[in-house]
Amino acid sequence: MKLLNDLFSTDYGLMSTTGIGFMLCMAAFFLRMFLVKMNEPPAPKVAGQQTLTEGA
């Protein structure tokens, strides 16, 4: 109980909780973003546009 009391009542505990929550939200955002991007069809190639594999 002392652990939970320190976690939610001290400045360092609240900052830790905020940091952990922020990182979990950021992980969920990036997971969703990458999954959506992976399932998108490739964009059509514009004339004159080079890809990374074609070189400069």
N, C-alpha and C. Protein backbone atom coordinates (compact mmCIF):
# COMPACT_ATOMS: atom_id res chain seq x y z
N MET A 1 0.82 -1.20 0.00
CA MET A 1 0.00 0.00 0.00
C MET A 1 0.86 1.26 0.00
N LYS A 2 2.03 1.19 0.63
CA LYS A 2 2.93 2.35 0.64
C LYS A 2 3.35 2.69 -0.79
N LEU A 3 3.56 1.65 -1.60
CA LEU A 3 3.97 1.86 -2.99
C LEU A 3 2.89 2.64 -3.75
N LEU A 4 1.64 2.23 -3.64
CA LEU A 4 0.56 2.93 -4.33
C LEU A 4 0.35 4.32 -3.77
N ASN A 5 0.52 4.46 -2.47
CA ASN A 5 0.39 5.78 -1.84
C ASN A 5 1.45 6.73 -2.39
N ASP A 6 2.70 6.26 -2.49
CA ASP A 6 3.76 7.09 -3.04
C ASP A 6 3.53 7.39 -4.52
N LEU A 7 3.03 6.40 -5.26
CA LEU A 7 2.85 6.56 -6.69
C LEU A 7 1.83 7.65 -7.02
N PHE A 8 0.76 7.72 -6.25
CA PHE A 8 -0.31 8.67 -6.58
C PHE A 8 -0.36 9.91 -5.70
N SER A 9 0.57 10.06 -4.77
CA SER A 9 0.48 11.23 -3.90
C SER A 9 1.75 12.08 -3.88
N THR A 10 2.85 11.59 -4.45
CA THR A 10 4.07 12.38 -4.45
C THR A 10 4.31 12.96 -5.84
N ASP A 11 5.14 14.00 -5.89
CA ASP A 11 5.41 14.63 -7.18
C ASP A 11 6.15 13.68 -8.13
N TYR A 12 7.10 12.93 -7.63
CA TYR A 12 7.84 12.01 -8.50
C TYR A 12 6.97 10.82 -8.91
N GLY A 13 6.05 10.41 -8.06
CA GLY A 13 5.13 9.33 -8.41
C GLY A 13 4.15 9.76 -9.50
N LEU A 14 3.61 10.98 -9.36
CA LEU A 14 2.68 11.48 -10.37
C LEU A 14 3.38 11.72 -11.70
N MET A 15 4.63 12.19 -11.65
CA MET A 15 5.37 12.40 -12.89
C MET A 15 5.67 11.05 -13.55
N SER A 16 5.98 10.03 -12.76
CA SER A 16 6.20 8.70 -13.31
C SER A 16 4.93 8.15 -13.94
N THR A 17 3.81 8.32 -13.28
CA THR A 17 2.53 7.86 -13.80
C THR A 17 2.19 8.59 -15.11
N THR A 18 2.44 9.89 -15.14
CA THR A 18 2.19 10.68 -16.35
C THR A 18 3.10 10.21 -17.49
N GLY A 19 4.36 9.99 -17.19
CA GLY A 19 5.30 9.53 -18.22
C GLY A 19 4.94 8.17 -18.77
N ILE A 20 4.57 7.26 -17.89
CA ILE A 20 4.17 5.91 -18.32
C ILE A 20 2.90 5.98 -19.17
N GLY A 21 1.94 6.77 -18.74
CA GLY A 21 0.70 6.94 -19.51
C GLY A 21 0.94 7.55 -20.87
N PHE A 22 1.81 8.56 -20.92
CA PHE A 22 2.14 9.20 -22.19
C PHE A 22 2.81 8.21 -23.14
N MET A 23 3.74 7.42 -22.63
CA MET A 23 4.43 6.44 -23.48
C MET A 23 3.48 5.37 -23.99
N LEU A 24 2.54 4.93 -23.16
CA LEU A 24 1.57 3.94 -23.61
C LEU A 24 0.64 4.50 -24.69
N CYS A 25 0.23 5.76 -24.52
CA CYS A 25 -0.61 6.40 -25.54
C CYS A 25 0.17 6.58 -26.84
N MET A 26 1.43 6.96 -26.74
CA MET A 26 2.26 7.14 -27.93
C MET A 26 2.47 5.80 -28.64
N ALA A 27 2.68 4.72 -27.88
CA ALA A 27 2.85 3.40 -28.47
C ALA A 27 1.58 2.97 -29.20
N ALA A 28 0.41 3.22 -28.61
CA ALA A 28 -0.85 2.87 -29.26
C ALA A 28 -1.06 3.69 -30.53
N PHE A 29 -0.70 4.98 -30.49
CA PHE A 29 -0.84 5.83 -31.67
C PHE A 29 0.04 5.32 -32.81
N PHE A 30 1.32 5.04 -32.51
CA PHE A 30 2.23 4.59 -33.56
C PHE A 30 1.84 3.20 -34.08
N LEU A 31 1.39 2.32 -33.20
CA LEU A 31 0.94 1.00 -33.64
C LEU A 31 -0.21 1.13 -34.63
N ARG A 32 -1.19 1.95 -34.29
CA ARG A 32 -2.33 2.16 -35.18
C ARG A 32 -1.89 2.81 -36.48
N MET A 33 -1.03 3.83 -36.41
CA MET A 33 -0.59 4.53 -37.60
C MET A 33 0.17 3.58 -38.54
N PHE A 34 1.09 2.77 -37.99
CA PHE A 34 1.87 1.87 -38.83
C PHE A 34 1.00 0.77 -39.43
N LEU A 35 0.03 0.27 -38.68
CA LEU A 35 -0.86 -0.75 -39.23
C LEU A 35 -1.70 -0.20 -40.37
N VAL A 36 -2.18 1.03 -40.24
CA VAL A 36 -2.97 1.65 -41.32
C VAL A 36 -2.08 1.89 -42.53
N LYS A 37 -0.86 2.40 -42.32
CA LYS A 37 0.05 2.68 -43.44
C LYS A 37 0.46 1.39 -44.16
N MET A 38 0.64 0.30 -43.42
CA MET A 38 1.03 -0.96 -44.05
C MET A 38 -0.06 -1.48 -44.97
N ASN A 39 -1.30 -1.23 -44.65
CA ASN A 39 -2.41 -1.78 -45.43
C ASN A 39 -2.86 -0.87 -46.57
N GLU A 40 -2.25 0.31 -46.71
CA GLU A 40 -2.59 1.19 -47.82
C GLU A 40 -1.95 0.68 -49.10
N PRO A 41 -2.65 0.84 -50.24
CA PRO A 41 -2.00 0.47 -51.50
C PRO A 41 -0.90 1.48 -51.81
N PRO A 42 0.12 1.06 -52.58
CA PRO A 42 1.19 2.00 -52.90
C PRO A 42 0.68 3.16 -53.75
N ALA A 43 1.27 4.32 -53.55
CA ALA A 43 0.87 5.50 -54.32
C ALA A 43 1.35 5.33 -55.76
N PRO A 44 0.56 5.84 -56.73
CA PRO A 44 1.01 5.73 -58.13
C PRO A 44 2.28 6.55 -58.36
N LYS A 45 3.14 6.03 -59.22
CA LYS A 45 4.41 6.70 -59.49
C LYS A 45 4.17 7.87 -60.44
N VAL A 46 4.67 9.04 -60.08
CA VAL A 46 4.55 10.23 -60.90
C VAL A 46 5.68 10.22 -61.91
N ALA A 47 5.44 10.68 -63.12
CA ALA A 47 6.48 10.69 -64.15
C ALA A 47 7.66 11.53 -63.68
N GLY A 48 8.86 10.97 -63.83
CA GLY A 48 10.08 11.67 -63.43
C GLY A 48 10.46 11.46 -61.99
N GLN A 49 9.66 10.78 -61.22
CA GLN A 49 9.94 10.55 -59.82
C GLN A 49 10.81 9.30 -59.68
N GLN A 50 11.87 9.39 -58.87
CA GLN A 50 12.74 8.26 -58.64
C GLN A 50 12.40 7.60 -57.31
N THR A 51 12.61 6.30 -57.24
CA THR A 51 12.44 5.60 -55.97
C THR A 51 13.80 5.46 -55.31
N LEU A 52 13.82 4.99 -54.10
CA LEU A 52 15.07 4.82 -53.37
C LEU A 52 15.95 3.74 -54.00
N THR A 53 15.35 2.74 -54.62
CA THR A 53 16.13 1.63 -55.18
C THR A 53 16.71 1.97 -56.56
N GLU A 54 16.20 3.02 -57.21
CA GLU A 54 16.71 3.39 -58.53
C GLU A 54 18.00 4.19 -58.46
N GLY A 55 18.31 4.74 -57.32
CA GLY A 55 19.53 5.54 -57.18
C GLY A 55 19.30 6.99 -57.56
N ALA A 56 20.37 7.79 -57.44
CA ALA A 56 20.21 9.22 -57.67
C ALA A 56 20.64 9.62 -59.02
